[in-house]
Amino acid sequence: MATAKQILILGAGFGGLASANLLRKSLQKEECQITVIDKNQYFMMGLVNLWILNGTRRLENSQVALKKLEAKGIKFLNDEIIRIDPSKNSVTTKTNHNKLQYDYLIIALGAELVPKRINGFENNGNCFNIYDAQQVPNLREKILSLTSGRIVICIADIPYKCPPAPYEVSLLINDILIKNETRDSIDLDIYVPTPISLPVAGANMSRDVVNLLNDNHINFHSLHKIKKVLDKKTIEFENGSKTFYDVLVLIPPHQVPQIIKNSDLLGDGDQHWIHVDKFTLRTKYKNVFAIGDVTEIRLDKTTTIPKAGIFAEGEAKVVSQQITNEIKNNNNNKALTKFDGKGFCFMEIGDKKAGYIYADFYNERGPINRLDPPSDEFYQKKLDFERSRLNEWLM
């Protein structure tokens, strides 16, 4: 009997969990051993941060233990990766410098948040990183305690995870203030470094987003890239302008994880993310795939596939099918081995309503993006989205 193939999956986010479950459903234990490695013990979708912000969810009730993978026949290793060596088909973890060999490697490590790049932001009691779930409960309390003043939301740089998220944050804060009966005495502004709100989605959807902000009296400021946070609750931008705040909500800079920088998975020059084949997600190394936020799939000089969980999940399906076909020597099943560039997400606006965003980035006539108006139905679909994935991956 042939030896079981060793499949290592680095990262237990959307892409990693989807890959592990799809492979386990398609391949028997005697065909492959699947190991997921992540330094976190729990999984929680980033979108839950918004529900913690608006008070409909608590952090401690939203985390699911990754050890539940074991019941599905998937090994979970709670450890930190310190070395990836594709030339030797090995990954080394921090505990005892444990070296693991693989036949197939899926890199799904996501993006690393680096708020420390913004001078003056950290250790400031009025500044909050909305992508850090631990900070969101305190942000909510700060907003509720504010009776007058100014709340500023800043996108530090692009790319960042889930392009619509900052606008959802602004609309949800607007909803919190209305319900708290303080909206009339608090200004709400959002500053972005780009000329339009959603460059990745194009001019039309960007206009729709700004119109939605305007309808809710949220002030939109383009071409304002945050430089540093000064004393006396002041922000300085790279264009030389300054503004004041009472509460600052930051979408922090993102970067490729340090472990990838330390490997040779990045090429020379200005490559900041792992480059992969746009259809197969293969890297320059045999049997090494990369999916999700750790990658950059460039469509032209200005457009890339967004960093969003739904695309990581779609890429996981394609990678899992390729690996399954190879292990089973099934050369006839090619139907699901090309990523189609399609995805969707929900844009929550408060009052239990959400819009629906559809995207097709590989369309032959150019990328298609559409924002459907907010409704109760789409909000329920967003709730179902989280529930269905958790049930499929970890329950």
Protein backbone atom coordinates (compact mmCIF):
# COMPACT_ATOMS: atom_id res chain seq x y z
CA MET A 1 0.00 0.00 0.00
CA ALA A 2 1.28 3.47 -0.90
CA THR A 3 2.31 5.77 1.96
CA ALA A 4 -0.25 8.43 2.85
CA LYS A 5 0.59 11.84 1.42
CA GLN A 6 1.40 14.57 3.94
CA ILE A 7 -0.57 17.79 3.40
CA LEU A 8 0.41 20.79 5.52
CA ILE A 9 -1.91 23.79 5.71
CA LEU A 10 -0.43 26.94 7.24
CA GLY A 11 -3.14 29.12 8.77
CA ALA A 12 -6.63 28.37 10.05
CA GLY A 13 -8.60 31.20 8.49
CA PHE A 14 -11.13 30.98 5.65
CA GLY A 15 -8.72 29.43 3.17
CA GLY A 16 -7.05 27.03 5.57
CA LEU A 17 -10.26 25.70 7.12
CA ALA A 18 -12.02 25.37 3.77
CA SER A 19 -9.03 23.52 2.28
CA ALA A 20 -8.71 21.11 5.21
CA ASN A 21 -12.38 20.17 5.20
CA LEU A 22 -12.65 19.78 1.44
CA LEU A 23 -9.56 17.56 1.31
CA ARG A 24 -10.78 15.42 4.19
CA LYS A 25 -14.15 14.89 2.49
CA SER A 26 -12.47 13.90 -0.77
CA LEU A 27 -9.59 11.77 0.51
CA GLN A 28 -9.46 8.85 2.93
CA LYS A 29 -7.03 8.80 5.89
CA GLU A 30 -4.95 6.11 4.20
CA GLU A 31 -4.56 8.45 1.19
CA CYS A 32 -3.43 11.53 3.08
CA GLN A 33 -2.75 13.03 6.49
CA ILE A 34 -3.88 16.64 6.81
CA THR A 35 -2.25 18.94 9.36
CA VAL A 36 -3.39 22.52 10.01
CA ILE A 37 -0.91 24.77 11.84
CA ASP A 38 -1.95 28.03 13.49
CA LYS A 39 -0.58 30.04 16.43
CA ASN A 40 -4.14 30.83 17.56
CA GLN A 41 -6.30 28.39 19.48
CA TYR A 42 -9.59 29.81 18.23
CA PHE A 43 -11.25 30.88 14.99
CA MET A 44 -13.51 33.90 14.65
CA MET A 45 -14.59 35.60 11.45
CA GLY A 46 -13.45 39.19 11.12
CA LEU A 47 -17.00 40.27 10.35
CA VAL A 48 -17.95 39.45 13.95
CA ASN A 49 -15.99 42.54 15.02
CA LEU A 50 -18.86 44.57 13.62
CA TRP A 51 -21.40 42.70 15.72
CA ILE A 52 -19.29 43.21 18.83
CA LEU A 53 -19.18 46.90 17.93
CA ASN A 54 -22.94 47.22 17.62
CA GLY A 55 -23.59 45.16 20.76
CA THR A 56 -25.33 42.15 19.22
CA ARG A 57 -22.44 39.77 19.93
CA ARG A 58 -19.85 39.28 22.68
CA LEU A 59 -16.24 38.37 21.97
CA GLU A 60 -16.20 35.43 24.38
CA ASN A 61 -19.26 33.90 22.68
CA SER A 62 -17.86 34.16 19.17
CA GLN A 63 -14.64 32.12 19.23
CA VAL A 64 -14.65 28.46 18.18
CA ALA A 65 -11.84 26.14 19.29
CA LEU A 66 -9.68 24.95 16.41
CA LYS A 67 -9.04 21.65 18.21
CA LYS A 68 -12.50 20.66 16.96
CA LEU A 69 -10.77 19.86 13.67
CA GLU A 70 -9.44 16.69 15.30
CA ALA A 71 -12.95 15.18 15.41
CA LYS A 72 -13.04 15.50 11.62
CA GLY A 73 -9.85 13.54 11.13
CA ILE A 74 -7.75 16.67 10.63
CA LYS A 75 -4.71 17.14 12.85
CA PHE A 76 -4.44 20.58 14.46
CA LEU A 77 -1.07 21.87 15.62
CA ASN A 78 -1.27 24.97 17.82
CA ASP A 79 2.19 26.37 17.15
CA GLU A 80 4.08 29.20 15.49
CA ILE A 81 5.82 28.68 12.18
CA ILE A 82 9.44 29.88 12.21
CA ARG A 83 10.71 28.59 8.85
CA ILE A 84 9.32 27.56 5.47
CA ASP A 85 11.80 25.79 3.20
CA PRO A 86 10.14 24.84 -0.11
CA SER A 87 13.44 23.59 -1.52
CA LYS A 88 13.45 20.86 1.15
CA ASN A 89 9.66 20.36 1.39
CA SER A 90 9.74 21.26 5.07
CA VAL A 91 8.16 23.61 7.62
CA THR A 92 9.69 24.25 11.06
CA THR A 93 7.61 25.24 14.08
CA LYS A 94 8.68 27.05 17.24
CA THR A 95 8.05 24.27 19.77
CA ASN A 96 11.24 22.19 19.94
CA HIS A 97 12.08 23.43 16.44
CA ASN A 98 9.88 20.65 15.14
CA LYS A 99 10.52 20.06 11.44
CA LEU A 100 7.58 18.74 9.41
CA GLN A 101 7.91 17.27 5.92
CA TYR A 102 5.16 17.62 3.33
CA ASP A 103 4.12 16.34 -0.06
CA TYR A 104 1.75 19.29 -0.54
CA LEU A 105 1.84 22.69 1.14
CA ILE A 106 -1.01 25.22 1.25
CA ILE A 107 -0.01 28.64 2.56
CA ALA A 108 -3.05 30.45 3.97
CA LEU A 109 -1.41 32.72 6.54
CA GLY A 110 -3.41 35.84 5.73
CA ALA A 111 -2.11 39.38 6.21
CA GLU A 112 -0.33 40.78 9.25
CA LEU A 113 -1.57 43.99 10.89
CA VAL A 114 1.06 46.66 11.63
CA PRO A 115 -0.57 49.61 13.45
CA LYS A 116 2.85 50.49 14.88
CA ARG A 117 3.70 52.02 11.50
CA ILE A 118 1.47 54.95 12.46
CA ASN A 119 3.49 57.01 14.90
CA GLY A 120 1.57 58.02 18.01
CA PHE A 121 -1.29 55.57 17.47
CA GLU A 122 -0.44 52.78 19.90
CA ASN A 123 -0.90 53.18 23.66
CA ASN A 124 -3.35 56.01 23.06
CA GLY A 125 -6.61 55.61 24.98
CA ASN A 126 -8.60 57.42 22.29
CA CYS A 127 -7.31 55.36 19.34
CA PHE A 128 -8.65 51.93 18.36
CA ASN A 129 -7.68 49.28 15.82
CA ILE A 130 -11.05 48.04 14.55
CA TYR A 131 -9.43 44.88 13.12
CA ASP A 132 -8.27 43.83 16.61
CA ALA A 133 -11.24 42.05 18.22
CA GLN A 134 -9.78 42.62 21.70
CA GLN A 135 -10.08 46.39 21.25
CA VAL A 136 -13.63 46.50 19.89
CA PRO A 137 -15.52 46.20 23.22
CA ASN A 138 -13.59 49.21 24.59
CA LEU A 139 -14.29 51.13 21.40
CA ARG A 140 -18.01 50.48 21.83
CA GLU A 141 -17.92 51.76 25.42
CA LYS A 142 -15.99 54.85 24.32
CA ILE A 143 -18.57 55.65 21.65
CA LEU A 144 -21.47 55.19 24.05
CA SER A 145 -19.83 57.48 26.62
CA LEU A 146 -19.26 60.29 24.13
CA THR A 147 -21.89 63.02 24.34
CA SER A 148 -20.38 65.43 21.82
CA GLY A 149 -17.31 65.78 19.61
CA ARG A 150 -15.88 64.02 16.59
CA ILE A 151 -15.28 60.42 15.60
CA VAL A 152 -12.74 59.91 12.82
CA ILE A 153 -12.23 56.71 10.83
CA CYS A 154 -8.95 56.39 8.90
CA ILE A 155 -7.89 53.86 6.30
CA ALA A 156 -4.11 53.88 6.73
CA ASP A 157 -3.13 52.25 3.45
CA ILE A 158 -4.14 49.78 0.77
CA PRO A 159 -4.55 46.88 0.39
CA TYR A 160 -6.47 45.91 3.53
CA LYS A 161 -8.82 43.06 4.43
CA CYS A 162 -12.47 43.33 3.33
CA PRO A 163 -12.60 46.58 1.32
CA PRO A 164 -16.18 47.57 2.37
CA ALA A 165 -15.45 47.09 6.11
CA PRO A 166 -14.42 50.69 6.96
CA TYR A 167 -17.65 51.98 5.46
CA GLU A 168 -19.65 49.40 7.39
CA VAL A 169 -17.89 50.62 10.54
CA SER A 170 -18.86 54.23 9.85
CA LEU A 171 -22.50 53.30 9.17
CA LEU A 172 -22.72 51.12 12.27
CA ILE A 173 -21.23 53.86 14.44
CA ASN A 174 -23.82 56.20 12.94
CA ASP A 175 -26.54 53.72 13.97
CA ILE A 176 -25.10 53.41 17.50
CA LEU A 177 -25.11 57.20 17.92
CA ILE A 178 -28.69 57.51 16.67
CA LYS A 179 -29.88 54.88 19.14
CA ASN A 180 -27.83 56.57 21.89
CA GLU A 181 -29.49 59.90 20.99
CA THR A 182 -26.11 61.62 20.58
CA ARG A 183 -25.83 61.70 16.78
CA ASP A 184 -26.81 65.37 16.43
CA SER A 185 -23.90 66.48 18.61
CA ILE A 186 -21.19 64.17 17.18
CA ASP A 187 -19.53 64.58 13.78
CA LEU A 188 -18.55 61.43 11.89
CA ASP A 189 -15.78 61.56 9.26
CA ILE A 190 -13.91 58.97 7.22
CA TYR A 191 -10.50 59.67 5.63
CA VAL A 192 -9.02 57.47 2.89
CA PRO A 193 -5.67 57.56 1.03
CA THR A 194 -7.28 56.88 -2.37
CA PRO A 195 -9.12 59.16 -4.83
CA ILE A 196 -12.31 57.06 -4.61
CA SER A 197 -13.84 54.97 -1.84
CA LEU A 198 -13.33 51.49 -3.34
CA PRO A 199 -10.68 51.50 -6.07
CA VAL A 200 -10.82 47.71 -6.29
CA ALA A 201 -14.53 47.90 -7.20
CA GLY A 202 -14.37 50.80 -9.63
CA ALA A 203 -15.90 54.25 -9.97
CA ASN A 204 -19.59 53.30 -10.06
CA MET A 205 -19.65 51.31 -6.83
CA SER A 206 -17.37 53.85 -5.17
CA ARG A 207 -19.93 56.52 -6.01
CA ASP A 208 -22.74 54.36 -4.59
CA VAL A 209 -20.81 53.98 -1.33
CA VAL A 210 -20.16 57.72 -0.99
CA ASN A 211 -23.82 58.44 -1.70
CA LEU A 212 -24.77 56.06 1.11
CA LEU A 213 -22.38 57.88 3.44
CA ASN A 214 -23.81 61.24 2.41
CA ASP A 215 -27.35 60.03 3.05
CA ASN A 216 -26.28 59.30 6.64
CA HIS A 217 -24.37 62.59 7.09
CA ILE A 218 -20.97 60.87 7.20
CA ASN A 219 -18.27 63.10 5.75
CA PHE A 220 -16.01 61.42 3.17
CA HIS A 221 -12.46 62.75 2.60
CA SER A 222 -10.41 61.29 -0.27
CA LEU A 223 -6.65 61.57 -0.81
CA HIS A 224 -5.87 61.81 2.91
CA LYS A 225 -3.21 59.29 3.96
CA ILE A 226 -2.55 59.34 7.70
CA LYS A 227 1.04 60.19 8.61
CA LYS A 228 1.00 60.26 12.41
CA VAL A 229 -1.10 60.92 15.48
CA LEU A 230 -0.03 64.06 17.34
CA ASP A 231 -0.67 65.23 20.87
CA LYS A 232 -3.93 67.01 21.72
CA LYS A 233 -6.03 64.56 19.67
CA THR A 234 -4.73 65.71 16.30
CA ILE A 235 -4.00 63.69 13.16
CA GLU A 236 -1.48 64.79 10.55
CA PHE A 237 -1.84 63.60 6.95
CA GLU A 238 0.86 63.21 4.32
CA ASN A 239 -0.68 66.03 2.26
CA GLY A 240 0.16 68.40 5.13
CA SER A 241 -3.36 68.88 6.45
CA LYS A 242 -4.41 68.18 10.02
CA THR A 243 -7.66 67.34 11.76
CA PHE A 244 -8.81 66.77 15.31
CA TYR A 245 -10.68 63.83 16.83
CA ASP A 246 -12.21 62.67 20.08
CA VAL A 247 -12.17 59.00 19.00
CA LEU A 248 -9.94 57.64 16.23
CA VAL A 249 -10.83 54.33 14.56
CA LEU A 250 -8.00 52.95 12.43
CA ILE A 251 -7.92 50.44 9.62
CA PRO A 252 -4.22 49.64 10.16
CA PRO A 253 -1.54 49.01 7.54
CA HIS A 254 -1.28 45.40 6.37
CA GLN A 255 1.80 43.46 5.31
CA VAL A 256 2.76 39.95 4.31
CA PRO A 257 3.63 37.86 7.43
CA GLN A 258 7.26 38.08 8.52
CA ILE A 259 7.73 34.33 8.03
CA ILE A 260 7.02 34.82 4.31
CA LYS A 261 9.45 37.74 4.12
CA ASN A 262 12.10 35.49 5.64
CA SER A 263 11.52 32.78 3.04
CA ASP A 264 12.30 32.92 -0.67
CA LEU A 265 8.62 32.77 -1.64
CA LEU A 266 8.81 36.45 -2.52
CA GLY A 267 10.69 37.47 -5.61
CA ASP A 268 13.13 40.33 -5.96
CA GLY A 269 12.16 43.96 -6.47
CA ASP A 270 8.90 45.44 -5.24
CA GLN A 271 7.00 42.19 -4.65
CA HIS A 272 5.17 42.55 -1.31
CA TRP A 273 2.88 39.48 -1.44
CA ILE A 274 3.15 35.95 -2.81
CA HIS A 275 2.57 35.81 -6.55
CA VAL A 276 0.55 32.82 -7.77
CA ASP A 277 -0.99 31.60 -10.98
CA LYS A 278 -4.36 33.39 -11.18
CA PHE A 279 -6.23 30.17 -12.02
CA THR A 280 -4.41 27.40 -10.13
CA LEU A 281 -2.94 29.34 -7.15
CA ARG A 282 0.37 27.54 -7.64
CA THR A 283 3.56 29.28 -6.52
CA LYS A 284 6.94 28.97 -8.22
CA TYR A 285 7.55 25.79 -6.21
CA LYS A 286 6.16 22.38 -7.12
CA ASN A 287 3.24 21.31 -4.93
CA VAL A 288 3.23 24.60 -3.03
CA PHE A 289 0.04 26.66 -3.24
CA ALA A 290 -0.84 30.01 -1.67
CA ILE A 291 -4.38 31.29 -1.15
CA GLY A 292 -6.20 34.23 0.38
CA ASP A 293 -4.79 37.45 1.81
CA VAL A 294 -1.15 36.32 1.70
CA THR A 295 -1.26 36.46 -2.11
CA GLU A 296 -1.46 39.13 -4.76
CA ILE A 297 -3.35 38.31 -7.94
CA ARG A 298 -2.90 41.33 -10.16
CA LEU A 299 -5.38 41.93 -12.98
CA ASP A 300 -3.74 45.11 -14.27
CA LYS A 301 -1.52 47.91 -12.94
CA THR A 302 -4.18 49.15 -10.50
CA THR A 303 -6.50 46.20 -9.82
CA THR A 304 -5.94 43.08 -7.73
CA ILE A 305 -8.24 40.44 -6.29
CA PRO A 306 -9.48 41.88 -2.96
CA LYS A 307 -8.27 40.52 0.34
CA ALA A 308 -11.51 38.94 1.52
CA GLY A 309 -12.49 35.58 2.99
CA ILE A 310 -14.89 34.65 0.20
CA PHE A 311 -12.04 34.70 -2.35
CA ALA A 312 -9.83 32.62 -0.04
CA GLU A 313 -12.66 30.08 0.19
CA GLY A 314 -13.08 29.98 -3.59
CA GLU A 315 -9.35 29.52 -4.07
CA ALA A 316 -9.34 26.74 -1.46
CA LYS A 317 -11.89 24.80 -3.52
CA VAL A 318 -9.68 24.97 -6.59
CA VAL A 319 -6.48 24.00 -4.76
CA SER A 320 -8.16 21.13 -2.90
CA GLN A 321 -9.54 19.71 -6.14
CA GLN A 322 -6.12 19.81 -7.81
CA ILE A 323 -4.48 17.99 -4.92
CA THR A 324 -7.29 15.44 -4.79
CA ASN A 325 -6.99 14.79 -8.53
CA GLU A 326 -3.23 14.24 -8.25
CA ILE A 327 -3.43 11.90 -5.27
CA LYS A 328 -6.21 9.87 -6.88
CA ASN A 329 -4.55 10.03 -10.32
CA ASN A 330 -7.82 11.40 -11.61
CA ASN A 331 -6.89 13.30 -14.76
CA ASN A 332 -10.47 13.49 -16.02
CA ASN A 333 -11.89 15.66 -13.21
CA LYS A 334 -10.73 19.12 -14.29
CA ALA A 335 -14.02 20.98 -13.82
CA LEU A 336 -13.11 22.69 -10.55
CA THR A 337 -9.40 23.28 -11.03
CA LYS A 338 -9.54 26.89 -12.19
CA PHE A 339 -10.36 29.81 -9.91
CA ASP A 340 -13.10 31.92 -11.54
CA GLY A 341 -12.43 35.26 -9.83
CA LYS A 342 -15.99 35.51 -8.49
CA GLY A 343 -17.03 36.49 -4.98
CA PHE A 344 -19.57 38.31 -2.85
CA CYS A 345 -19.93 39.98 0.51
CA PHE A 346 -22.45 41.88 2.61
CA MET A 347 -22.24 45.56 3.54
CA GLU A 348 -24.00 46.17 6.83
CA ILE A 349 -25.46 49.64 7.46
CA GLY A 350 -27.16 49.24 10.87
CA ASP A 351 -30.76 48.67 11.94
CA LYS A 352 -30.36 44.99 10.92
CA LYS A 353 -29.98 45.81 7.24
CA ALA A 354 -27.19 45.00 4.80
CA GLY A 355 -26.40 45.53 1.15
CA TYR A 356 -25.06 42.78 -1.10
CA ILE A 357 -21.90 43.15 -3.16
CA TYR A 358 -21.28 40.82 -6.11
CA ALA A 359 -17.98 40.73 -8.02
CA ASP A 360 -16.68 38.93 -11.10
CA PHE A 361 -13.05 39.95 -11.62
CA TYR A 362 -12.24 37.54 -14.45
CA ASN A 363 -15.10 38.60 -16.70
CA GLU A 364 -13.89 38.72 -20.31
CA ARG A 365 -15.22 42.27 -20.80
CA GLY A 366 -13.62 43.54 -17.61
CA PRO A 367 -14.40 43.24 -13.89
CA ILE A 368 -18.07 43.43 -12.87
CA ASN A 369 -19.03 44.82 -9.46
CA ARG A 370 -22.55 45.43 -8.20
CA LEU A 371 -24.00 46.79 -4.94
CA ASP A 372 -27.59 45.77 -4.26
CA PRO A 373 -29.56 48.07 -1.90
CA PRO A 374 -29.61 47.24 1.84
CA SER A 375 -32.41 45.02 3.10
CA ASP A 376 -33.47 42.83 6.02
CA GLU A 377 -33.02 39.80 3.78
CA PHE A 378 -29.35 40.46 3.07
CA TYR A 379 -28.69 41.01 6.77
CA GLN A 380 -30.16 37.57 7.51
CA LYS A 381 -28.05 36.08 4.72
CA LYS A 382 -24.96 37.55 6.38
CA LEU A 383 -25.88 35.84 9.65
CA ASP A 384 -26.48 32.59 7.77
CA PHE A 385 -23.11 32.95 6.03
CA GLU A 386 -21.22 32.83 9.33
CA ARG A 387 -23.40 30.05 10.74
CA SER A 388 -23.09 27.80 7.67
CA ARG A 389 -19.29 28.08 7.48
CA LEU A 390 -18.80 27.37 11.17
CA ASN A 391 -21.08 24.33 10.92
CA GLU A 392 -19.20 23.06 7.89
CA TRP A 393 -15.65 23.68 9.11
CA LEU A 394 -15.67 23.19 12.87
CA MET A 395 -18.88 21.57 14.09
